[in-house]
């Protein structure tokens, strides 16, 4: 069971139960990646299992690993990744889901701005390209993530925590 997190006040305005099955699978995969780093590749079997449970095609693995690898090696400050089955969704986690969803909803400039605050400029474009590749792989498998515009656009104070963490 989840033992709490350092940034309890930085929660998304929604919980795990509010997410679709593909979002839950993607979130679990991201949590496994960040919680197992630097041995992220050792987490491949459970990541694949969580993605499959969410209905994501296996083709999403390579672009997702590319996206998460760029983030892992380039973030200005660490992400707050919750336990894999934690019912709460952190602001950082919600923002990463929103970055991928933005590409499904023609909000690429929003995704770039969201990443710009946390990544050095030189890796922002590769990170955006990798997020777009994740979105394309999901779409090819019939999955389109919802655009949770209110949270993603920063209309909720907790959603802005991702951007403020870089300051």
N, C-alpha and C. Protein backbone atom coordinates (compact mmCIF):
# COMPACT_ATOMS: atom_id res chain seq x y z
N UNK A 1 0.84 -1.18 0.00
CA UNK A 1 0.00 0.00 0.00
C UNK A 1 0.88 1.24 0.00
N UNK A 2 0.39 2.30 -0.56
CA UNK A 2 1.12 3.54 -0.70
C UNK A 2 1.39 4.16 0.66
N UNK A 3 2.63 4.62 0.86
CA UNK A 3 3.03 5.20 2.13
C UNK A 3 3.09 6.73 2.10
N UNK A 4 2.60 7.34 1.06
CA UNK A 4 2.64 8.80 0.98
C UNK A 4 3.83 9.28 0.18
N UNK A 5 3.83 10.57 -0.08
CA UNK A 5 4.85 11.15 -0.96
C UNK A 5 5.28 12.50 -0.42
N UNK A 6 6.45 12.91 -0.84
CA UNK A 6 7.01 14.16 -0.36
C UNK A 6 6.17 15.36 -0.77
N UNK A 7 5.46 15.27 -1.85
CA UNK A 7 4.73 16.43 -2.36
C UNK A 7 3.22 16.19 -2.38
N UNK A 8 2.66 15.86 -1.23
CA UNK A 8 1.23 15.58 -1.14
C UNK A 8 0.37 16.74 -1.65
N UNK A 9 0.86 17.96 -1.55
CA UNK A 9 0.06 19.09 -1.98
C UNK A 9 0.07 19.25 -3.49
N UNK A 10 0.93 18.55 -4.18
CA UNK A 10 1.04 18.66 -5.63
C UNK A 10 0.32 17.49 -6.31
N UNK A 11 -0.96 17.40 -6.09
CA UNK A 11 -1.75 16.34 -6.68
C UNK A 11 -2.57 16.88 -7.84
N UNK A 12 -2.85 16.01 -8.80
CA UNK A 12 -3.72 16.37 -9.91
C UNK A 12 -5.16 16.49 -9.39
N UNK A 13 -6.00 17.19 -10.14
CA UNK A 13 -7.40 17.34 -9.71
C UNK A 13 -8.24 16.10 -10.01
N UNK A 14 -7.59 14.97 -10.30
CA UNK A 14 -8.30 13.72 -10.53
C UNK A 14 -7.49 12.58 -9.92
N UNK A 15 -8.14 11.43 -9.76
CA UNK A 15 -7.48 10.27 -9.16
C UNK A 15 -7.35 9.16 -10.20
N UNK A 16 -6.71 8.08 -9.80
CA UNK A 16 -6.52 6.94 -10.69
C UNK A 16 -7.86 6.41 -11.21
N UNK A 17 -8.87 6.39 -10.37
CA UNK A 17 -10.18 5.85 -10.79
C UNK A 17 -10.86 6.74 -11.83
N UNK A 18 -10.42 7.99 -11.97
CA UNK A 18 -10.99 8.88 -12.98
C UNK A 18 -10.38 8.64 -14.36
N UNK A 19 -9.28 7.93 -14.41
CA UNK A 19 -8.57 7.72 -15.67
C UNK A 19 -9.16 6.55 -16.45
N UNK A 20 -9.01 6.61 -17.77
CA UNK A 20 -9.41 5.49 -18.63
C UNK A 20 -8.40 4.35 -18.45
N UNK A 21 -8.76 3.16 -18.89
CA UNK A 21 -7.85 2.01 -18.79
C UNK A 21 -6.52 2.28 -19.49
N UNK A 22 -6.51 2.85 -20.71
CA UNK A 22 -5.22 3.14 -21.33
C UNK A 22 -4.39 4.16 -20.54
N UNK A 23 -5.03 5.16 -19.96
CA UNK A 23 -4.31 6.14 -19.15
C UNK A 23 -3.72 5.47 -17.91
N UNK A 24 -4.49 4.59 -17.28
CA UNK A 24 -3.98 3.89 -16.09
C UNK A 24 -2.79 3.01 -16.47
N UNK A 25 -2.86 2.33 -17.60
CA UNK A 25 -1.75 1.50 -18.04
C UNK A 25 -0.50 2.32 -18.33
N UNK A 26 -0.69 3.44 -19.00
CA UNK A 26 0.43 4.31 -19.32
C UNK A 26 1.02 4.92 -18.05
N UNK A 27 0.17 5.34 -17.14
CA UNK A 27 0.64 5.90 -15.87
C UNK A 27 1.42 4.85 -15.08
N UNK A 28 0.91 3.63 -15.01
CA UNK A 28 1.63 2.57 -14.29
C UNK A 28 2.98 2.31 -14.93
N UNK A 29 3.03 2.31 -16.26
CA UNK A 29 4.31 2.09 -16.96
C UNK A 29 5.29 3.21 -16.63
N UNK A 30 4.81 4.45 -16.63
CA UNK A 30 5.70 5.58 -16.30
C UNK A 30 6.18 5.48 -14.86
N UNK A 31 5.28 5.12 -13.96
CA UNK A 31 5.67 4.98 -12.55
C UNK A 31 6.72 3.90 -12.38
N UNK A 32 6.52 2.76 -13.03
CA UNK A 32 7.50 1.68 -12.94
C UNK A 32 8.85 2.14 -13.48
N UNK A 33 8.84 2.86 -14.58
CA UNK A 33 10.09 3.35 -15.17
C UNK A 33 10.83 4.25 -14.18
N UNK A 34 10.15 5.28 -13.69
CA UNK A 34 10.81 6.25 -12.82
C UNK A 34 11.18 5.67 -11.46
N UNK A 35 10.39 4.73 -10.96
CA UNK A 35 10.69 4.13 -9.66
C UNK A 35 11.84 3.12 -9.75
N UNK A 36 12.06 2.54 -10.94
CA UNK A 36 13.11 1.53 -11.08
C UNK A 36 14.42 2.12 -11.62
N UNK A 37 14.42 3.37 -12.01
CA UNK A 37 15.62 3.99 -12.57
C UNK A 37 16.75 3.94 -11.53
N UNK A 38 17.99 3.61 -11.84
CA UNK A 38 18.58 3.55 -13.16
C UNK A 38 18.46 2.20 -13.86
N UNK A 39 17.84 1.23 -13.25
CA UNK A 39 17.68 -0.08 -13.88
C UNK A 39 16.34 -0.17 -14.60
N UNK A 40 15.99 0.86 -15.35
CA UNK A 40 14.68 0.94 -15.99
C UNK A 40 14.42 -0.21 -16.94
N UNK A 41 15.45 -0.68 -17.63
CA UNK A 41 15.24 -1.76 -18.58
C UNK A 41 14.91 -3.07 -17.88
N UNK A 42 15.26 -3.19 -16.60
CA UNK A 42 14.87 -4.35 -15.82
C UNK A 42 13.38 -4.36 -15.54
N UNK A 43 12.74 -3.21 -15.72
CA UNK A 43 11.30 -3.09 -15.48
C UNK A 43 10.48 -3.41 -16.73
N UNK A 44 11.14 -3.82 -17.81
CA UNK A 44 10.43 -4.08 -19.07
C UNK A 44 9.25 -5.04 -18.94
N UNK A 45 9.40 -6.22 -18.35
CA UNK A 45 8.24 -7.13 -18.28
C UNK A 45 7.03 -6.53 -17.54
N UNK A 46 7.21 -5.93 -16.35
CA UNK A 46 6.03 -5.35 -15.71
C UNK A 46 5.47 -4.14 -16.46
N UNK A 47 6.34 -3.38 -17.12
CA UNK A 47 5.85 -2.24 -17.91
C UNK A 47 5.00 -2.75 -19.07
N UNK A 48 5.50 -3.75 -19.76
CA UNK A 48 4.75 -4.34 -20.88
C UNK A 48 3.40 -4.87 -20.39
N UNK A 49 3.40 -5.55 -19.25
CA UNK A 49 2.16 -6.10 -18.69
C UNK A 49 1.15 -5.00 -18.39
N UNK A 50 1.60 -3.92 -17.76
CA UNK A 50 0.69 -2.82 -17.42
C UNK A 50 0.14 -2.14 -18.67
N UNK A 51 0.97 -1.97 -19.67
CA UNK A 51 0.49 -1.37 -20.93
C UNK A 51 -0.54 -2.28 -21.60
N UNK A 52 -0.27 -3.57 -21.61
CA UNK A 52 -1.22 -4.52 -22.22
C UNK A 52 -2.54 -4.51 -21.47
N UNK A 53 -2.48 -4.46 -20.14
CA UNK A 53 -3.71 -4.40 -19.34
C UNK A 53 -4.55 -3.18 -19.70
N UNK A 54 -3.87 -2.10 -20.06
CA UNK A 54 -4.56 -0.88 -20.46
C UNK A 54 -5.01 -0.90 -21.91
N UNK A 55 -4.67 -1.96 -22.63
CA UNK A 55 -5.08 -2.08 -24.02
C UNK A 55 -4.11 -1.49 -25.02
N UNK A 56 -2.95 -1.03 -24.56
CA UNK A 56 -1.98 -0.43 -25.47
C UNK A 56 -1.26 -1.50 -26.27
N UNK A 57 -0.98 -1.21 -27.54
CA UNK A 57 -0.24 -2.17 -28.36
C UNK A 57 1.23 -2.23 -27.94
N UNK A 58 1.86 -3.36 -28.20
CA UNK A 58 3.29 -3.50 -27.87
C UNK A 58 4.14 -2.47 -28.61
N UNK A 59 3.64 -1.97 -29.74
CA UNK A 59 4.39 -0.99 -30.53
C UNK A 59 4.63 0.31 -29.77
N UNK A 60 3.94 0.52 -28.67
CA UNK A 60 4.13 1.76 -27.90
C UNK A 60 5.38 1.68 -27.02
N UNK A 61 5.91 0.49 -26.78
CA UNK A 61 7.05 0.34 -25.87
C UNK A 61 8.28 1.13 -26.29
N UNK A 62 8.70 0.99 -27.52
CA UNK A 62 9.94 1.66 -27.95
C UNK A 62 9.81 3.18 -27.89
N UNK A 63 8.74 3.78 -28.45
CA UNK A 63 8.65 5.24 -28.31
C UNK A 63 8.48 5.70 -26.86
N UNK A 64 7.78 4.92 -26.06
CA UNK A 64 7.61 5.29 -24.65
C UNK A 64 8.96 5.25 -23.94
N UNK A 65 9.77 4.23 -24.19
CA UNK A 65 11.09 4.16 -23.58
C UNK A 65 11.96 5.32 -24.06
N UNK A 66 11.81 5.70 -25.32
CA UNK A 66 12.56 6.85 -25.83
C UNK A 66 12.17 8.12 -25.09
N UNK A 67 10.86 8.34 -24.94
CA UNK A 67 10.36 9.52 -24.25
C UNK A 67 10.82 9.54 -22.79
N UNK A 68 10.63 8.43 -22.10
CA UNK A 68 11.00 8.37 -20.69
C UNK A 68 12.52 8.44 -20.51
N UNK A 69 13.26 7.87 -21.44
CA UNK A 69 14.72 7.94 -21.38
C UNK A 69 15.22 9.36 -21.50
N UNK A 70 14.62 10.13 -22.42
CA UNK A 70 15.00 11.54 -22.56
C UNK A 70 14.69 12.28 -21.26
N UNK A 71 13.51 12.04 -20.71
CA UNK A 71 13.15 12.71 -19.46
C UNK A 71 14.10 12.33 -18.33
N UNK A 72 14.38 11.04 -18.20
CA UNK A 72 15.23 10.57 -17.12
C UNK A 72 16.61 11.20 -17.17
N UNK A 73 17.15 11.34 -18.37
CA UNK A 73 18.51 11.85 -18.49
C UNK A 73 18.60 13.37 -18.53
N UNK A 74 17.47 14.06 -18.71
CA UNK A 74 17.56 15.49 -18.98
C UNK A 74 16.77 16.41 -18.08
N UNK A 75 15.91 15.89 -17.23
CA UNK A 75 15.08 16.75 -16.39
C UNK A 75 15.92 17.66 -15.50
N UNK A 76 15.46 18.88 -15.35
CA UNK A 76 16.15 19.83 -14.48
C UNK A 76 15.96 19.48 -13.01
N UNK A 77 14.85 18.83 -12.68
CA UNK A 77 14.59 18.37 -11.32
C UNK A 77 13.81 17.06 -11.42
N UNK A 78 13.96 16.18 -10.43
CA UNK A 78 13.31 14.86 -10.51
C UNK A 78 11.79 14.97 -10.51
N UNK A 79 11.17 14.03 -11.20
CA UNK A 79 9.71 13.94 -11.19
C UNK A 79 9.26 13.26 -9.92
N UNK A 80 8.09 13.61 -9.48
CA UNK A 80 7.48 12.95 -8.33
C UNK A 80 6.64 11.80 -8.87
N UNK A 81 7.21 10.60 -8.88
CA UNK A 81 6.50 9.41 -9.36
C UNK A 81 5.96 8.65 -8.16
N UNK A 82 4.68 8.44 -8.15
CA UNK A 82 4.03 7.72 -7.05
C UNK A 82 4.23 6.22 -7.19
N UNK A 83 3.83 5.48 -6.17
CA UNK A 83 3.86 4.01 -6.21
C UNK A 83 2.98 3.56 -7.37
N UNK A 84 3.28 2.42 -7.93
CA UNK A 84 2.60 1.99 -9.14
C UNK A 84 1.08 1.88 -8.98
N UNK A 85 0.60 1.48 -7.82
CA UNK A 85 -0.84 1.33 -7.62
C UNK A 85 -1.46 2.42 -6.76
N UNK A 86 -0.74 3.50 -6.53
CA UNK A 86 -1.26 4.61 -5.73
C UNK A 86 -2.52 5.17 -6.38
N UNK A 87 -3.54 5.40 -5.59
CA UNK A 87 -4.81 5.92 -6.11
C UNK A 87 -4.72 7.40 -6.47
N UNK A 88 -3.74 8.08 -5.91
CA UNK A 88 -3.57 9.51 -6.21
C UNK A 88 -2.71 9.69 -7.44
N UNK A 89 -2.95 10.76 -8.16
CA UNK A 89 -2.15 11.08 -9.34
C UNK A 89 -1.45 12.40 -9.05
N UNK A 90 -0.13 12.37 -9.15
CA UNK A 90 0.64 13.58 -8.89
C UNK A 90 0.57 14.54 -10.06
N UNK A 91 0.85 15.79 -9.77
CA UNK A 91 0.82 16.83 -10.81
C UNK A 91 1.84 16.52 -11.92
N UNK A 92 3.02 16.03 -11.55
CA UNK A 92 4.01 15.67 -12.57
C UNK A 92 3.49 14.56 -13.48
N UNK A 93 2.89 13.56 -12.88
CA UNK A 93 2.36 12.43 -13.66
C UNK A 93 1.23 12.89 -14.58
N UNK A 94 0.35 13.72 -14.06
CA UNK A 94 -0.76 14.24 -14.87
C UNK A 94 -0.23 15.04 -16.04
N UNK A 95 0.82 15.80 -15.79
CA UNK A 95 1.39 16.63 -16.85
C UNK A 95 1.98 15.76 -17.96
N UNK A 96 2.65 14.67 -17.60
CA UNK A 96 3.22 13.79 -18.63
C UNK A 96 2.11 13.13 -19.46
N UNK A 97 1.05 12.69 -18.80
CA UNK A 97 -0.09 12.15 -19.56
C UNK A 97 -0.65 13.21 -20.50
N UNK A 98 -0.73 14.45 -20.00
CA UNK A 98 -1.28 15.54 -20.81
C UNK A 98 -0.37 15.87 -21.99
N UNK A 99 0.94 15.76 -21.82
CA UNK A 99 1.87 16.02 -22.92
C UNK A 99 1.61 15.03 -24.06
N UNK A 100 1.39 13.77 -23.72
CA UNK A 100 1.10 12.77 -24.75
C UNK A 100 -0.28 13.02 -25.34
N UNK A 101 -1.27 13.27 -24.48
CA UNK A 101 -2.63 13.54 -24.96
C UNK A 101 -2.68 14.77 -25.85
N UNK A 102 -1.85 15.75 -25.57
CA UNK A 102 -1.84 16.98 -26.38
C UNK A 102 -1.60 16.67 -27.85
N UNK A 103 -0.78 15.67 -28.11
CA UNK A 103 -0.49 15.31 -29.51
C UNK A 103 -1.70 14.65 -30.18
N UNK A 104 -2.57 14.04 -29.41
CA UNK A 104 -3.80 13.47 -29.97
C UNK A 104 -4.81 14.56 -30.30
N UNK A 105 -4.68 15.71 -29.68
CA UNK A 105 -5.69 16.76 -29.80
C UNK A 105 -5.14 18.04 -30.42
N UNK A 106 -4.09 17.88 -31.22
CA UNK A 106 -3.49 18.98 -31.98
C UNK A 106 -3.08 20.15 -31.09
N UNK A 107 -2.52 19.82 -29.94
CA UNK A 107 -2.05 20.82 -28.99
C UNK A 107 -0.53 20.70 -28.81
N UNK A 108 0.18 20.54 -29.94
CA UNK A 108 1.62 20.33 -29.89
C UNK A 108 2.36 21.50 -29.24
N UNK A 109 1.90 22.72 -29.49
CA UNK A 109 2.59 23.87 -28.89
C UNK A 109 2.42 23.87 -27.36
N UNK A 110 1.26 23.42 -26.89
CA UNK A 110 1.06 23.30 -25.45
C UNK A 110 2.04 22.28 -24.88
N UNK A 111 2.18 21.14 -25.56
CA UNK A 111 3.10 20.09 -25.09
C UNK A 111 4.53 20.61 -25.04
N UNK A 112 4.94 21.35 -26.06
CA UNK A 112 6.30 21.90 -26.09
C UNK A 112 6.51 22.87 -24.93
N UNK A 113 5.52 23.72 -24.66
CA UNK A 113 5.63 24.66 -23.56
C UNK A 113 5.71 23.94 -22.22
N UNK A 114 4.91 22.91 -22.06
CA UNK A 114 4.92 22.14 -20.81
C UNK A 114 6.27 21.48 -20.57
N UNK A 115 6.89 20.99 -21.63
CA UNK A 115 8.20 20.35 -21.49
C UNK A 115 9.32 21.37 -21.35
N UNK A 116 9.14 22.52 -21.97
CA UNK A 116 10.17 23.55 -21.96
C UNK A 116 10.55 23.97 -20.54
N UNK A 117 9.57 23.98 -19.66
CA UNK A 117 9.82 24.41 -18.29
C UNK A 117 10.68 23.42 -17.51
N UNK A 118 10.68 22.16 -17.92
CA UNK A 118 11.38 21.13 -17.15
C UNK A 118 12.61 20.57 -17.85
N UNK A 119 12.79 20.91 -19.13
CA UNK A 119 13.90 20.34 -19.89
C UNK A 119 14.78 21.45 -20.48
N UNK A 120 16.07 21.19 -20.61
CA UNK A 120 16.91 22.14 -21.33
C UNK A 120 16.40 22.27 -22.77
N UNK A 121 16.53 23.44 -23.32
CA UNK A 121 16.00 23.71 -24.66
C UNK A 121 16.50 22.72 -25.71
N UNK A 122 17.74 22.29 -25.59
CA UNK A 122 18.32 21.40 -26.60
C UNK A 122 17.64 20.04 -26.67
N UNK A 123 16.99 19.60 -25.61
CA UNK A 123 16.32 18.29 -25.64
C UNK A 123 14.79 18.40 -25.71
N UNK A 124 14.28 19.63 -25.72
CA UNK A 124 12.82 19.79 -25.78
C UNK A 124 12.25 19.21 -27.07
N UNK A 125 12.87 19.50 -28.20
CA UNK A 125 12.34 19.01 -29.47
C UNK A 125 12.39 17.48 -29.56
N UNK A 126 13.51 16.85 -29.20
CA UNK A 126 13.50 15.38 -29.20
C UNK A 126 12.46 14.79 -28.24
N UNK A 127 12.26 15.43 -27.09
CA UNK A 127 11.25 14.96 -26.14
C UNK A 127 9.85 15.10 -26.73
N UNK A 128 9.59 16.22 -27.39
CA UNK A 128 8.28 16.42 -28.04
C UNK A 128 8.07 15.39 -29.15
N UNK A 129 9.12 15.15 -29.93
CA UNK A 129 9.02 14.14 -31.00
C UNK A 129 8.74 12.76 -30.41
N UNK A 130 9.41 12.45 -29.31
CA UNK A 130 9.20 11.14 -28.67
C UNK A 130 7.78 11.03 -28.12
N UNK A 131 7.28 12.10 -27.51
CA UNK A 131 5.89 12.09 -27.00
C UNK A 131 4.91 11.93 -28.15
N UNK A 132 5.19 12.59 -29.28
CA UNK A 132 4.32 12.46 -30.46
C UNK A 132 4.36 11.02 -30.99
N UNK A 133 5.52 10.38 -30.92
CA UNK A 133 5.64 8.98 -31.36
C UNK A 133 4.82 8.06 -30.46
N UNK A 134 4.82 8.33 -29.16
CA UNK A 134 3.99 7.56 -28.24
C UNK A 134 2.53 7.74 -28.62
N UNK A 135 2.12 8.98 -28.86
CA UNK A 135 0.73 9.27 -29.23
C UNK A 135 0.34 8.56 -30.53
N UNK A 136 1.24 8.58 -31.52
CA UNK A 136 0.95 7.90 -32.79
C UNK A 136 0.82 6.39 -32.60
N UNK A 137 1.70 5.80 -31.79
CA UNK A 137 1.63 4.35 -31.55
C UNK A 137 0.32 3.99 -30.83
N UNK A 138 -0.08 4.82 -29.88
CA UNK A 138 -1.36 4.58 -29.21
C UNK A 138 -2.52 4.71 -30.19
N UNK A 139 -2.49 5.76 -31.00
CA UNK A 139 -3.57 5.98 -31.98
C UNK A 139 -3.64 4.84 -32.99
N UNK A 140 -2.49 4.31 -33.39
CA UNK A 140 -2.47 3.18 -34.32
C UNK A 140 -3.13 1.96 -33.71
N UNK A 141 -3.09 1.88 -32.38
CA UNK A 141 -3.75 0.79 -31.66
C UNK A 141 -5.18 1.12 -31.27
N UNK A 142 -5.69 2.23 -31.77
CA UNK A 142 -7.08 2.61 -31.49
C UNK A 142 -7.28 3.35 -30.18
N UNK A 143 -6.20 3.88 -29.60
CA UNK A 143 -6.29 4.56 -28.31
C UNK A 143 -5.99 6.04 -28.50
N UNK A 144 -6.91 6.87 -28.05
CA UNK A 144 -6.72 8.32 -28.03
C UNK A 144 -6.95 8.77 -26.59
N UNK A 145 -5.93 9.33 -26.00
CA UNK A 145 -6.04 9.80 -24.62
C UNK A 145 -6.92 11.04 -24.57
N UNK A 146 -7.75 11.15 -23.54
CA UNK A 146 -8.59 12.34 -23.42
C UNK A 146 -7.75 13.57 -23.08
N UNK A 147 -8.17 14.70 -23.58
CA UNK A 147 -7.52 15.97 -23.28
C UNK A 147 -8.20 16.55 -22.06
N UNK A 148 -7.57 16.42 -20.93
CA UNK A 148 -8.12 16.92 -19.67
C UNK A 148 -7.73 18.39 -19.57
N UNK A 149 -8.40 19.17 -20.41
CA UNK A 149 -8.00 20.55 -20.65
C UNK A 149 -7.90 21.39 -19.38
N UNK A 150 -8.84 21.30 -18.48
CA UNK A 150 -8.81 22.15 -17.28
C UNK A 150 -7.54 21.90 -16.47
N UNK A 151 -7.20 20.63 -16.27
CA UNK A 151 -6.00 20.32 -15.50
C UNK A 151 -4.74 20.60 -16.31
N UNK A 152 -4.78 20.20 -17.58
CA UNK A 152 -3.60 20.33 -18.41
C UNK A 152 -3.26 21.78 -18.69
N UNK A 153 -4.25 22.62 -18.84
CA UNK A 153 -4.01 24.02 -19.18
C UNK A 153 -3.62 24.85 -17.97
N UNK A 154 -3.55 24.23 -16.81
CA UNK A 154 -3.13 24.94 -15.62
C UNK A 154 -4.25 25.70 -14.94
N UNK A 155 -5.48 25.32 -15.20
CA UNK A 155 -6.61 26.01 -14.58
C UNK A 155 -6.85 25.51 -13.16
N UNK A 156 -6.11 24.53 -12.74
CA UNK A 156 -6.18 24.03 -11.37
C UNK A 156 -4.81 24.26 -10.75
N UNK A 157 -4.73 24.79 -9.55
CA UNK A 157 -3.44 25.12 -8.95
C UNK A 157 -2.46 23.95 -8.91
N UNK A 158 -2.95 22.73 -8.68
CA UNK A 158 -2.03 21.59 -8.61
C UNK A 158 -1.40 21.29 -9.96
N UNK A 159 -2.09 21.60 -11.05
CA UNK A 159 -1.55 21.30 -12.37
C UNK A 159 -0.35 22.18 -12.69
N UNK A 160 -0.27 23.35 -12.09
CA UNK A 160 0.85 24.25 -12.36
C UNK A 160 2.12 23.83 -11.62
N UNK A 161 2.00 22.87 -10.71
CA UNK A 161 3.17 22.45 -9.93
C UNK A 161 4.27 21.90 -10.82
N UNK A 162 3.90 21.25 -11.91
CA UNK A 162 4.91 20.70 -12.83
C UNK A 162 5.77 21.82 -13.38
N UNK A 163 5.14 22.89 -13.79
CA UNK A 163 5.88 24.01 -14.34
C UNK A 163 6.68 24.74 -13.26
N UNK A 164 6.10 24.90 -12.09
CA UNK A 164 6.76 25.64 -11.02
C UNK A 164 7.93 24.87 -10.45
N UNK A 165 7.94 23.55 -10.56
CA UNK A 165 9.04 22.75 -10.00
C UNK A 165 10.37 23.07 -10.66
N UNK A 166 10.32 23.59 -11.88
CA UNK A 166 11.54 23.92 -12.59
C UNK A 166 12.14 25.24 -12.11
N UNK A 167 11.35 26.04 -11.43
CA UNK A 167 11.82 27.37 -11.00
C UNK A 167 12.72 27.30 -9.79
